[in-house]
Amino acid sequence: TDELAEVLPQWLPGNEASLVLFASYWQMEAVVKKL
């Protein structure tokens, strides 16, 4: 979960339309908080 929060910014440029799919709701919320 910590590594997801670390690497996601490099794959989410500000000029694109992005969809990030998580396998669980709790992990999504944890990553959102860290980001």
Full PDB file with SEQRES, HELIX, SHEET, SSBOND, CRYST1, ORIGX, SCALE, CONECT and MASTER records, all heavy atoms in Angstrom:
SEQRES   1 A   35  THR ASP GLU LEU ALA GLU VAL LEU PRO GLN TRP LEU PRO          
SEQRES   2 A   35  GLY ASN GLU ALA SER LEU VAL LEU PHE ALA SER TYR TRP          
SEQRES   3 A   35  GLN MET GLU ALA VAL VAL LYS LYS LEU                          
HELIX    1 AA1 ASP A    2  VAL A    7  1                                   6    
HELIX    2 AA2 LEU A    8  TRP A   11  5                                   4    
HELIX    3 AA3 TYR A   25  LYS A   34  1                                  10    
CRYST1    1.000    1.000    1.000  90.00  90.00  90.00 P 1           1          
ORIGX1      1.000000  0.000000  0.000000        0.00000                         
ORIGX2      0.000000  1.000000  0.000000        0.00000                         
ORIGX3      0.000000  0.000000  1.000000        0.00000                         
SCALE1      1.000000  0.000000  0.000000        0.00000                         
SCALE2      0.000000  1.000000  0.000000        0.00000                         
SCALE3      0.000000  0.000000  1.000000        0.00000                         
ATOM      1  N   THR A   1       0.835  -1.208   0.000  1.00  0.00           N  
ATOM      2  CA  THR A   1       0.000   0.000   0.000  1.00  0.00           C  
ATOM      3  C   THR A   1       0.866   1.252   0.000  1.00  0.00           C  
ATOM      4  O   THR A   1       0.595   2.219  -0.728  1.00  0.00           O  
ATOM      5  CB  THR A   1      -0.945   0.001   1.213  1.00  0.00           C  
ATOM      6  OG1 THR A   1      -1.768  -1.166   1.164  1.00  0.00           O  
ATOM      7  CG2 THR A   1      -1.838   1.232   1.223  1.00  0.00           C  
ATOM      8  N   ASP A   2       1.943   1.231   0.791  1.00  0.00           N  
ATOM      9  CA  ASP A   2       2.854   2.376   0.827  1.00  0.00           C  
ATOM     10  C   ASP A   2       3.527   2.572  -0.529  1.00  0.00           C  
ATOM     11  O   ASP A   2       3.691   3.705  -0.996  1.00  0.00           O  
ATOM     12  CB  ASP A   2       3.927   2.165   1.900  1.00  0.00           C  
ATOM     13  CG  ASP A   2       3.356   2.230   3.304  1.00  0.00           C  
ATOM     14  OD1 ASP A   2       2.355   2.949   3.497  1.00  0.00           O  
ATOM     15  OD2 ASP A   2       3.893   1.553   4.193  1.00  0.00           O  
ATOM     16  N   GLU A   3       3.908   1.452  -1.178  1.00  0.00           N  
ATOM     17  CA  GLU A   3       4.567   1.587  -2.479  1.00  0.00           C  
ATOM     18  C   GLU A   3       3.599   2.106  -3.541  1.00  0.00           C  
ATOM     19  O   GLU A   3       3.995   2.884  -4.427  1.00  0.00           O  
ATOM     20  CB  GLU A   3       5.181   0.257  -2.932  1.00  0.00           C  
ATOM     21  CG  GLU A   3       6.034   0.456  -4.184  1.00  0.00           C  
ATOM     22  CD  GLU A   3       6.738  -0.800  -4.650  1.00  0.00           C  
ATOM     23  OE1 GLU A   3       6.475  -1.884  -4.098  1.00  0.00           O  
ATOM     24  OE2 GLU A   3       7.547  -0.699  -5.594  1.00  0.00           O  
ATOM     25  N   LEU A   4       2.342   1.707  -3.470  1.00  0.00           N  
ATOM     26  CA  LEU A   4       1.349   2.253  -4.399  1.00  0.00           C  
ATOM     27  C   LEU A   4       1.308   3.778  -4.301  1.00  0.00           C  
ATOM     28  O   LEU A   4       1.306   4.484  -5.317  1.00  0.00           O  
ATOM     29  CB  LEU A   4      -0.039   1.670  -4.115  1.00  0.00           C  
ATOM     30  CG  LEU A   4      -0.331   0.242  -4.567  1.00  0.00           C  
ATOM     31  CD1 LEU A   4      -1.768  -0.140  -4.194  1.00  0.00           C  
ATOM     32  CD2 LEU A   4      -0.135   0.086  -6.069  1.00  0.00           C  
ATOM     33  N   ALA A   5       1.245   4.267  -3.067  1.00  0.00           N  
ATOM     34  CA  ALA A   5       1.197   5.718  -2.865  1.00  0.00           C  
ATOM     35  C   ALA A   5       2.472   6.392  -3.367  1.00  0.00           C  
ATOM     36  O   ALA A   5       2.452   7.541  -3.826  1.00  0.00           O  
ATOM     37  CB  ALA A   5       0.987   6.026  -1.386  1.00  0.00           C  
ATOM     38  N   GLU A   6       3.582   5.648  -3.330  1.00  0.00           N  
ATOM     39  CA  GLU A   6       4.866   6.200  -3.768  1.00  0.00           C  
ATOM     40  C   GLU A   6       4.973   6.269  -5.291  1.00  0.00           C  
ATOM     41  O   GLU A   6       5.471   7.265  -5.844  1.00  0.00           O  
ATOM     42  CB  GLU A   6       5.989   5.315  -3.207  1.00  0.00           C  
ATOM     43  CG  GLU A   6       7.391   5.743  -3.589  1.00  0.00           C  
ATOM     44  CD  GLU A   6       8.427   4.746  -3.090  1.00  0.00           C  
ATOM     45  OE1 GLU A   6       8.240   4.185  -1.991  1.00  0.00           O  
ATOM     46  OE2 GLU A   6       9.418   4.515  -3.819  1.00  0.00           O  
ATOM     47  N   VAL A   7       4.478   5.218  -5.997  1.00  0.00           N  
ATOM     48  CA  VAL A   7       4.697   5.162  -7.449  1.00  0.00           C  
ATOM     49  C   VAL A   7       3.557   5.758  -8.267  1.00  0.00           C  
ATOM     50  O   VAL A   7       3.766   6.149  -9.428  1.00  0.00           O  
ATOM     51  CB  VAL A   7       4.951   3.705  -7.919  1.00  0.00           C  
ATOM     52  CG1 VAL A   7       6.124   3.106  -7.170  1.00  0.00           C  
ATOM     53  CG2 VAL A   7       3.717   2.841  -7.771  1.00  0.00           C  
ATOM     54  N   LEU A   8       2.350   5.833  -7.720  1.00  0.00           N  
ATOM     55  CA  LEU A   8       1.216   6.303  -8.519  1.00  0.00           C  
ATOM     56  C   LEU A   8       1.411   7.706  -9.107  1.00  0.00           C  
ATOM     57  O   LEU A   8       1.044   7.944 -10.267  1.00  0.00           O  
ATOM     58  CB  LEU A   8      -0.077   6.245  -7.702  1.00  0.00           C  
ATOM     59  CG  LEU A   8      -0.797   4.895  -7.692  1.00  0.00           C  
ATOM     60  CD1 LEU A   8      -1.971   4.898  -6.713  1.00  0.00           C  
ATOM     61  CD2 LEU A   8      -1.292   4.527  -9.097  1.00  0.00           C  
ATOM     62  N   PRO A   9       1.968   8.681  -8.367  1.00  0.00           N  
ATOM     63  CA  PRO A   9       2.097  10.028  -8.952  1.00  0.00           C  
ATOM     64  C   PRO A   9       2.845  10.048 -10.284  1.00  0.00           C  
ATOM     65  O   PRO A   9       2.511  10.847 -11.171  1.00  0.00           O  
ATOM     66  CB  PRO A   9       2.847  10.806  -7.864  1.00  0.00           C  
ATOM     67  CG  PRO A   9       2.431  10.134  -6.593  1.00  0.00           C  
ATOM     68  CD  PRO A   9       2.352   8.673  -6.942  1.00  0.00           C  
ATOM     69  N   GLN A  10       3.862   9.161 -10.472  1.00  0.00           N  
ATOM     70  CA  GLN A  10       4.610   9.202 -11.727  1.00  0.00           C  
ATOM     71  C   GLN A  10       3.797   8.676 -12.908  1.00  0.00           C  
ATOM     72  O   GLN A  10       4.152   8.920 -14.069  1.00  0.00           O  
ATOM     73  CB  GLN A  10       5.907   8.402 -11.581  1.00  0.00           C  
ATOM     74  CG  GLN A  10       5.718   6.903 -11.542  1.00  0.00           C  
ATOM     75  CD  GLN A  10       7.011   6.168 -11.237  1.00  0.00           C  
ATOM     76  OE1 GLN A  10       7.499   6.161 -10.108  1.00  0.00           O  
ATOM     77  NE2 GLN A  10       7.585   5.554 -12.260  1.00  0.00           N  
ATOM     78  N   TRP A  11       2.696   7.942 -12.623  1.00  0.00           N  
ATOM     79  CA  TRP A  11       1.852   7.406 -13.689  1.00  0.00           C  
ATOM     80  C   TRP A  11       0.545   8.189 -13.838  1.00  0.00           C  
ATOM     81  O   TRP A  11      -0.348   7.774 -14.573  1.00  0.00           O  
ATOM     82  CB  TRP A  11       1.533   5.932 -13.425  1.00  0.00           C  
ATOM     83  CG  TRP A  11       2.764   5.069 -13.423  1.00  0.00           C  
ATOM     84  CD1 TRP A  11       3.377   4.508 -12.339  1.00  0.00           C  
ATOM     85  CD2 TRP A  11       3.544   4.687 -14.560  1.00  0.00           C  
ATOM     86  NE1 TRP A  11       4.479   3.798 -12.717  1.00  0.00           N  
ATOM     87  CE2 TRP A  11       4.608   3.887 -14.084  1.00  0.00           C  
ATOM     88  CE3 TRP A  11       3.449   4.944 -15.931  1.00  0.00           C  
ATOM     89  CZ2 TRP A  11       5.572   3.342 -14.927  1.00  0.00           C  
ATOM     90  CZ3 TRP A  11       4.398   4.396 -16.775  1.00  0.00           C  
ATOM     91  CH2 TRP A  11       5.449   3.606 -16.284  1.00  0.00           C  
ATOM     92  N   LEU A  12       0.435   9.325 -13.146  1.00  0.00           N  
ATOM     93  CA  LEU A  12      -0.791  10.128 -13.201  1.00  0.00           C  
ATOM     94  C   LEU A  12      -0.477  11.564 -13.623  1.00  0.00           C  
ATOM     95  O   LEU A  12      -0.534  12.496 -12.808  1.00  0.00           O  
ATOM     96  CB  LEU A  12      -1.499  10.109 -11.835  1.00  0.00           C  
ATOM     97  CG  LEU A  12      -2.102   8.767 -11.425  1.00  0.00           C  
ATOM     98  CD1 LEU A  12      -2.564   8.803  -9.968  1.00  0.00           C  
ATOM     99  CD2 LEU A  12      -3.279   8.405 -12.338  1.00  0.00           C  
ATOM    100  N   PRO A  13      -0.152  11.760 -14.898  1.00  0.00           N  
ATOM    101  CA  PRO A  13       0.131  13.126 -15.372  1.00  0.00           C  
ATOM    102  C   PRO A  13      -1.124  13.994 -15.342  1.00  0.00           C  
ATOM    103  O   PRO A  13      -2.243  13.500 -15.466  1.00  0.00           O  
ATOM    104  CB  PRO A  13       0.621  12.907 -16.808  1.00  0.00           C  
ATOM    105  CG  PRO A  13       0.038  11.593 -17.215  1.00  0.00           C  
ATOM    106  CD  PRO A  13      -0.017  10.761 -15.967  1.00  0.00           C  
ATOM    107  N   GLY A  14      -0.928  15.276 -15.184  1.00  0.00           N  
ATOM    108  CA  GLY A  14      -2.056  16.183 -15.016  1.00  0.00           C  
ATOM    109  C   GLY A  14      -2.851  16.455 -16.268  1.00  0.00           C  
ATOM    110  O   GLY A  14      -3.952  17.009 -16.192  1.00  0.00           O  
ATOM    111  N   ASN A  15      -2.338  16.079 -17.440  1.00  0.00           N  
ATOM    112  CA  ASN A  15      -3.032  16.408 -18.688  1.00  0.00           C  
ATOM    113  C   ASN A  15      -3.781  15.222 -19.292  1.00  0.00           C  
ATOM    114  O   ASN A  15      -4.214  15.288 -20.436  1.00  0.00           O  
ATOM    115  CB  ASN A  15      -2.029  16.956 -19.709  1.00  0.00           C  
ATOM    116  CG  ASN A  15      -0.940  15.931 -20.034  1.00  0.00           C  
ATOM    117  OD1 ASN A  15      -0.766  14.955 -19.310  1.00  0.00           O  
ATOM    118  ND2 ASN A  15      -0.206  16.194 -21.105  1.00  0.00           N  
ATOM    119  N   GLU A  16      -3.925  14.121 -18.568  1.00  0.00           N  
ATOM    120  CA  GLU A  16      -4.599  12.942 -19.108  1.00  0.00           C  
ATOM    121  C   GLU A  16      -5.845  12.602 -18.295  1.00  0.00           C  
ATOM    122  O   GLU A  16      -6.003  13.032 -17.148  1.00  0.00           O  
ATOM    123  CB  GLU A  16      -3.651  11.738 -19.118  1.00  0.00           C  
ATOM    124  CG  GLU A  16      -2.553  11.843 -20.167  1.00  0.00           C  
ATOM    125  CD  GLU A  16      -1.982  10.476 -20.516  1.00  0.00           C  
ATOM    126  OE1 GLU A  16      -2.770   9.534 -20.707  1.00  0.00           O  
ATOM    127  OE2 GLU A  16      -0.739  10.364 -20.585  1.00  0.00           O  
ATOM    128  N   ALA A  17      -6.708  11.802 -18.940  1.00  0.00           N  
ATOM    129  CA  ALA A  17      -7.887  11.269 -18.250  1.00  0.00           C  
ATOM    130  C   ALA A  17      -7.528   9.890 -17.731  1.00  0.00           C  
ATOM    131  O   ALA A  17      -7.265   8.969 -18.509  1.00  0.00           O  
ATOM    132  CB  ALA A  17      -9.068  11.183 -19.218  1.00  0.00           C  
ATOM    133  N   SER A  18      -7.482   9.746 -16.414  1.00  0.00           N  
ATOM    134  CA  SER A  18      -6.982   8.524 -15.791  1.00  0.00           C  
ATOM    135  C   SER A  18      -8.049   7.846 -14.953  1.00  0.00           C  
ATOM    136  O   SER A  18      -8.902   8.505 -14.346  1.00  0.00           O  
ATOM    137  CB  SER A  18      -5.770   8.832 -14.899  1.00  0.00           C  
ATOM    138  OG  SER A  18      -4.716   9.407 -15.635  1.00  0.00           O  
ATOM    139  N   LEU A  19      -7.977   6.517 -14.915  1.00  0.00           N  
ATOM    140  CA  LEU A  19      -8.809   5.701 -14.032  1.00  0.00           C  
ATOM    141  C   LEU A  19      -7.891   4.745 -13.291  1.00  0.00           C  
ATOM    142  O   LEU A  19      -7.130   3.991 -13.916  1.00  0.00           O  
ATOM    143  CB  LEU A  19      -9.846   4.908 -14.839  1.00  0.00           C  
ATOM    144  CG  LEU A  19     -10.618   3.808 -14.091  1.00  0.00           C  
ATOM    145  CD1 LEU A  19     -11.468   4.405 -12.974  1.00  0.00           C  
ATOM    146  CD2 LEU A  19     -11.495   3.007 -15.056  1.00  0.00           C  
ATOM    147  N   VAL A  20      -7.937   4.775 -11.965  1.00  0.00           N  
ATOM    148  CA  VAL A  20      -7.129   3.885 -11.135  1.00  0.00           C  
ATOM    149  C   VAL A  20      -8.072   2.899 -10.456  1.00  0.00           C  
ATOM    150  O   VAL A  20      -8.982   3.303  -9.720  1.00  0.00           O  
ATOM    151  CB  VAL A  20      -6.324   4.671 -10.076  1.00  0.00           C  
ATOM    152  CG1 VAL A  20      -5.399   3.726  -9.305  1.00  0.00           C  
ATOM    153  CG2 VAL A  20      -5.528   5.792 -10.723  1.00  0.00           C  
ATOM    154  N   LEU A  21      -7.847   1.607 -10.707  1.00  0.00           N  
ATOM    155  CA  LEU A  21      -8.712   0.565 -10.158  1.00  0.00           C  
ATOM    156  C   LEU A  21      -8.001  -0.162  -9.017  1.00  0.00           C  
ATOM    157  O   LEU A  21      -6.871  -0.651  -9.191  1.00  0.00           O  
ATOM    158  CB  LEU A  21      -9.101  -0.436 -11.243  1.00  0.00           C  
ATOM    159  CG  LEU A  21     -10.000   0.098 -12.362  1.00  0.00           C  
ATOM    160  CD1 LEU A  21     -10.178  -0.952 -13.448  1.00  0.00           C  
ATOM    161  CD2 LEU A  21     -11.357   0.528 -11.801  1.00  0.00           C  
ATOM    162  N   PHE A  22      -8.671  -0.233  -7.882  1.00  0.00           N  
ATOM    163  CA  PHE A  22      -8.140  -0.919  -6.706  1.00  0.00           C  
ATOM    164  C   PHE A  22      -8.912  -2.218  -6.478  1.00  0.00           C  
ATOM    165  O   PHE A  22     -10.088  -2.327  -6.832  1.00  0.00           O  
ATOM    166  CB  PHE A  22      -8.266  -0.032  -5.470  1.00  0.00           C  
ATOM    167  CG  PHE A  22      -7.391   1.192  -5.503  1.00  0.00           C  
ATOM    168  CD1 PHE A  22      -7.814   2.351  -6.153  1.00  0.00           C  
ATOM    169  CD2 PHE A  22      -6.148   1.202  -4.887  1.00  0.00           C  
ATOM    170  CE1 PHE A  22      -7.015   3.478  -6.194  1.00  0.00           C  
ATOM    171  CE2 PHE A  22      -5.336   2.321  -4.918  1.00  0.00           C  
ATOM    172  CZ  PHE A  22      -5.776   3.466  -5.570  1.00  0.00           C  
ATOM    173  N   ALA A  23      -8.246  -3.186  -5.850  1.00  0.00           N  
ATOM    174  CA  ALA A  23      -8.883  -4.477  -5.582  1.00  0.00           C  
ATOM    175  C   ALA A  23      -9.747  -4.433  -4.328  1.00  0.00           C  
ATOM    176  O   ALA A  23     -10.565  -5.322  -4.113  1.00  0.00           O  
ATOM    177  CB  ALA A  23      -7.835  -5.576  -5.450  1.00  0.00           C  
ATOM    178  N   SER A  24      -9.562  -3.416  -3.490  1.00  0.00           N  
ATOM    179  CA  SER A  24     -10.373  -3.322  -2.269  1.00  0.00           C  
ATOM    180  C   SER A  24     -10.626  -1.864  -1.924  1.00  0.00           C  
ATOM    181  O   SER A  24      -9.813  -0.977  -2.234  1.00  0.00           O  
ATOM    182  CB  SER A  24      -9.675  -4.010  -1.091  1.00  0.00           C  
ATOM    183  OG  SER A  24      -8.469  -3.337  -0.763  1.00  0.00           O  
ATOM    184  N   TYR A  25     -11.737  -1.628  -1.265  1.00  0.00           N  
ATOM    185  CA  TYR A  25     -12.124  -0.278  -0.892  1.00  0.00           C  
ATOM    186  C   TYR A  25     -11.178   0.295   0.163  1.00  0.00           C  
ATOM    187  O   TYR A  25     -10.787   1.459   0.099  1.00  0.00           O  
ATOM    188  CB  TYR A  25     -13.559  -0.288  -0.379  1.00  0.00           C  
ATOM    189  CG  TYR A  25     -14.153   1.083  -0.175  1.00  0.00           C  
ATOM    190  CD1 TYR A  25     -14.681   1.806  -1.241  1.00  0.00           C  
ATOM    191  CD2 TYR A  25     -14.169   1.673   1.083  1.00  0.00           C  
ATOM    192  CE1 TYR A  25     -15.220   3.070  -1.059  1.00  0.00           C  
ATOM    193  CE2 TYR A  25     -14.705   2.931   1.277  1.00  0.00           C  
ATOM    194  CZ  TYR A  25     -15.231   3.627   0.209  1.00  0.00           C  
ATOM    195  OH  TYR A  25     -15.755   4.871   0.397  1.00  0.00           O  
ATOM    196  N   TRP A  26     -10.783  -0.567   1.131  1.00  0.00           N  
ATOM    197  CA  TRP A  26      -9.922  -0.064   2.211  1.00  0.00           C  
ATOM    198  C   TRP A  26      -8.563   0.375   1.682  1.00  0.00           C  
ATOM    199  O   TRP A  26      -8.009   1.383   2.130  1.00  0.00           O  
ATOM    200  CB  TRP A  26      -9.747  -1.113   3.315  1.00  0.00           C  
ATOM    201  CG  TRP A  26      -8.839  -2.262   2.953  1.00  0.00           C  
ATOM    202  CD1 TRP A  26      -9.192  -3.473   2.490  1.00  0.00           C  
ATOM    203  CD2 TRP A  26      -7.398  -2.262   3.034  1.00  0.00           C  
ATOM    204  NE1 TRP A  26      -8.077  -4.251   2.252  1.00  0.00           N  
ATOM    205  CE2 TRP A  26      -6.959  -3.531   2.586  1.00  0.00           C  
ATOM    206  CE3 TRP A  26      -6.438  -1.322   3.428  1.00  0.00           C  
ATOM    207  CZ2 TRP A  26      -5.616  -3.887   2.525  1.00  0.00           C  
ATOM    208  CZ3 TRP A  26      -5.086  -1.671   3.367  1.00  0.00           C  
ATOM    209  CH2 TRP A  26      -4.688  -2.946   2.921  1.00  0.00           C  
ATOM    210  N   GLN A  27      -8.014  -0.378   0.700  1.00  0.00           N  
ATOM    211  CA  GLN A  27      -6.714  -0.002   0.157  1.00  0.00           C  
ATOM    212  C   GLN A  27      -6.818   1.301  -0.644  1.00  0.00           C  
ATOM    213  O   GLN A  27      -5.919   2.140  -0.591  1.00  0.00           O  
ATOM    214  CB  GLN A  27      -6.161  -1.129  -0.710  1.00  0.00           C  
ATOM    215  CG  GLN A  27      -4.696  -0.927  -1.093  1.00  0.00           C  
ATOM    216  CD  GLN A  27      -4.078  -2.193  -1.619  1.00  0.00           C  
ATOM    217  OE1 GLN A  27      -4.483  -2.695  -2.679  1.00  0.00           O  
ATOM    218  NE2 GLN A  27      -3.095  -2.737  -0.900  1.00  0.00           N  
ATOM    219  N   MET A  28      -7.914   1.461  -1.375  1.00  0.00           N  
ATOM    220  CA  MET A  28      -8.123   2.708  -2.099  1.00  0.00           C  
ATOM    221  C   MET A  28      -8.146   3.893  -1.132  1.00  0.00           C  
ATOM    222  O   MET A  28      -7.470   4.910  -1.362  1.00  0.00           O  
ATOM    223  CB  MET A  28      -9.441   2.655  -2.881  1.00  0.00           C  
ATOM    224  CG  MET A  28      -9.755   3.943  -3.631  1.00  0.00           C  
ATOM    225  SD  MET A  28     -11.335   3.873  -4.525  1.00  0.00           S  
ATOM    226  CE  MET A  28     -12.506   3.946  -3.153  1.00  0.00           C  
ATOM    227  N   GLU A  29      -8.889   3.777  -0.052  1.00  0.00           N  
ATOM    228  CA  GLU A  29      -8.980   4.877   0.912  1.00  0.00           C  
ATOM    229  C   GLU A  29      -7.636   5.158   1.566  1.00  0.00           C  
ATOM    230  O   GLU A  29      -7.276   6.317   1.805  1.00  0.00           O  
ATOM    231  CB  GLU A  29     -10.043   4.554   1.968  1.00  0.00           C  
ATOM    232  CG  GLU A  29     -11.468   4.688   1.469  1.00  0.00           C  
ATOM    233  CD  GLU A  29     -11.841   6.135   1.158  1.00  0.00           C  
ATOM    234  OE1 GLU A  29     -11.212   7.065   1.698  1.00  0.00           O  
ATOM    235  OE2 GLU A  29     -12.757   6.356   0.346  1.00  0.00           O  
ATOM    236  N   ALA A  30      -6.876   4.101   1.860  1.00  0.00           N  
ATOM    237  CA  ALA A  30      -5.560   4.284   2.480  1.00  0.00           C  
ATOM    238  C   ALA A  30      -4.619   5.027   1.534  1.00  0.00           C  
ATOM    239  O   ALA A  30      -3.867   5.924   1.958  1.00  0.00           O  
ATOM    240  CB  ALA A  30      -4.977   2.926   2.862  1.00  0.00           C  
ATOM    241  N   VAL A  31      -4.655   4.665   0.250  1.00  0.00           N  
ATOM    242  CA  VAL A  31      -3.790   5.327  -0.736  1.00  0.00           C  
ATOM    243  C   VAL A  31      -4.234   6.773  -0.952  1.00  0.00           C  
ATOM    244  O   VAL A  31      -3.395   7.682  -1.059  1.00  0.00           O  
ATOM    245  CB  VAL A  31      -3.791   4.541  -2.063  1.00  0.00           C  
ATOM    246  CG1 VAL A  31      -3.089   5.335  -3.162  1.00  0.00           C  
ATOM    247  CG2 VAL A  31      -3.117   3.188  -1.879  1.00  0.00           C  
ATOM    248  N   VAL A  32      -5.531   7.014  -1.014  1.00  0.00           N  
ATOM    249  CA  VAL A  32      -6.044   8.385  -1.180  1.00  0.00           C  
ATOM    250  C   VAL A  32      -5.512   9.281  -0.059  1.00  0.00           C  
ATOM    251  O   VAL A  32      -5.061  10.415  -0.295  1.00  0.00           O  
ATOM    252  CB  VAL A  32      -7.585   8.391  -1.202  1.00  0.00           C  
ATOM    253  CG1 VAL A  32      -8.116   9.821  -1.077  1.00  0.00           C  
ATOM    254  CG2 VAL A  32      -8.109   7.761  -2.483  1.00  0.00           C  
ATOM    255  N   LYS A  33      -5.553   8.760   1.151  1.00  0.00           N  
ATOM    256  CA  LYS A  33      -5.092   9.549   2.306  1.00  0.00           C  
ATOM    257  C   LYS A  33      -3.598   9.864   2.188  1.00  0.00           C  
ATOM    258  O   LYS A  33      -3.158  10.991   2.458  1.00  0.00           O  
ATOM    259  CB  LYS A  33      -5.369   8.766   3.588  1.00  0.00           C  
ATOM    260  CG  LYS A  33      -5.144   9.565   4.858  1.00  0.00           C  
ATOM    261  CD  LYS A  33      -5.586   8.793   6.096  1.00  0.00           C  
ATOM    262  CE  LYS A  33      -7.087   8.635   6.109  1.00  0.00           C  
ATOM    263  NZ  LYS A  33      -7.558   7.984   7.380  1.00  0.00           N  
ATOM    264  N   LYS A  34      -2.802   8.881   1.759  1.00  0.00           N  
ATOM    265  CA  LYS A  34      -1.355   9.082   1.643  1.00  0.00           C  
ATOM    266  C   LYS A  34      -0.995  10.026   0.492  1.00  0.00           C  
ATOM    267  O   LYS A  34       0.079  10.631   0.480  1.00  0.00           O  
ATOM    268  CB  LYS A  34      -0.666   7.732   1.431  1.00  0.00           C  
ATOM    269  CG  LYS A  34      -0.720   6.794   2.633  1.00  0.00           C  
ATOM    270  CD  LYS A  34      -0.099   5.443   2.305  1.00  0.00           C  
ATOM    271  CE  LYS A  34      -0.224   4.457   3.451  1.00  0.00           C  
ATOM    272  NZ  LYS A  34       0.584   4.866   4.617  1.00  0.00           N  
ATOM    273  N   LEU A  35      -1.892  10.138  -0.505  1.00  0.00           N  
ATOM    274  CA  LEU A  35      -1.600  10.953  -1.695  1.00  0.00           C  
ATOM    275  C   LEU A  35      -2.111  12.387  -1.602  1.00  0.00           C  
ATOM    276  O   LEU A  35      -1.985  13.141  -2.572  1.00  0.00           O  
ATOM    277  CB  LEU A  35      -2.203  10.289  -2.943  1.00  0.00           C  
ATOM    278  CG  LEU A  35      -1.483   9.041  -3.461  1.00  0.00           C  
ATOM    279  CD1 LEU A  35      -2.246   8.435  -4.635  1.00  0.00           C  
ATOM    280  CD2 LEU A  35      -0.053   9.369  -3.871  1.00  0.00           C  
TER     281      LEU A  35                                                      
MASTER        0    0    0    3    0    0    0    6  280    1    0    3          
END                                                                             
